[in-house]
Amino acid sequence: MIILLALLVVLVFVGLSFAIHLLWIVAVLFFIIWLVGYALGRGESAGRHRFYRW
């Protein structure tokens, strides 16, 4: 019983570490998309087209 409980705890930690790793990848992708949008929003025609409205 104790071995099964230990394996369950290990599986939970492995799942959490995978989820955290995946969230870091998603956060980096969103940051890159935000930077591209910010770069596209600068320039002569910045008033006519905007990637986002903040």
Protein backbone atom coordinates (compact mmCIF):
# COMPACT_ATOMS: atom_id res chain seq x y z
CA MET A 1 0.00 0.00 0.00
CA ILE A 2 2.81 2.42 0.86
CA ILE A 3 4.57 1.65 -2.43
CA LEU A 4 1.39 2.44 -4.39
CA LEU A 5 0.98 5.69 -2.48
CA ALA A 6 4.60 6.63 -3.21
CA LEU A 7 4.11 5.83 -6.91
CA LEU A 8 0.96 7.96 -6.95
CA VAL A 9 2.84 10.90 -5.40
CA VAL A 10 5.62 10.49 -7.97
CA LEU A 11 3.08 10.44 -10.82
CA VAL A 12 1.43 13.60 -9.49
CA PHE A 13 4.79 15.41 -9.34
CA VAL A 14 5.70 14.26 -12.86
CA GLY A 15 2.34 15.51 -14.15
CA LEU A 16 2.77 18.85 -12.41
CA SER A 17 6.27 19.34 -13.76
CA PHE A 18 5.05 18.56 -17.29
CA ALA A 19 2.19 21.06 -16.91
CA ILE A 20 4.53 23.76 -15.61
CA HIS A 21 6.93 23.13 -18.49
CA LEU A 22 4.07 23.37 -20.98
CA LEU A 23 2.87 26.62 -19.40
CA TRP A 24 6.37 28.12 -19.76
CA ILE A 25 6.35 27.25 -23.47
CA VAL A 26 2.91 28.83 -23.90
CA ALA A 27 4.02 31.95 -22.00
CA VAL A 28 7.10 32.35 -24.23
CA LEU A 29 4.98 31.93 -27.38
CA PHE A 30 2.48 34.56 -26.21
CA PHE A 31 5.35 36.93 -25.38
CA ILE A 32 6.78 36.51 -28.88
CA ILE A 33 3.35 37.15 -30.42
CA TRP A 34 2.97 40.24 -28.24
CA LEU A 35 6.39 41.54 -29.32
CA VAL A 36 5.50 41.04 -32.99
CA GLY A 37 2.21 42.87 -32.46
CA TYR A 38 3.98 45.70 -30.68
CA ALA A 39 6.52 45.97 -33.49
CA LEU A 40 3.76 46.01 -36.13
CA GLY A 41 1.93 48.73 -34.21
CA ARG A 42 4.88 51.13 -34.51
CA GLY A 43 5.64 53.14 -37.59
CA GLU A 44 3.99 55.64 -39.89
CA SER A 45 0.63 53.88 -40.17
CA ALA A 46 0.31 53.07 -36.49
CA GLY A 47 -2.91 55.02 -36.18
CA ARG A 48 -4.71 53.12 -38.93
CA HIS A 49 -4.00 49.53 -38.00
CA ARG A 50 -3.37 48.17 -34.58
CA PHE A 51 -2.72 44.62 -33.54
CA TYR A 52 -4.58 45.25 -30.30
CA ARG A 53 -6.37 48.20 -28.69
CA TRP A 54 -5.16 48.93 -25.15
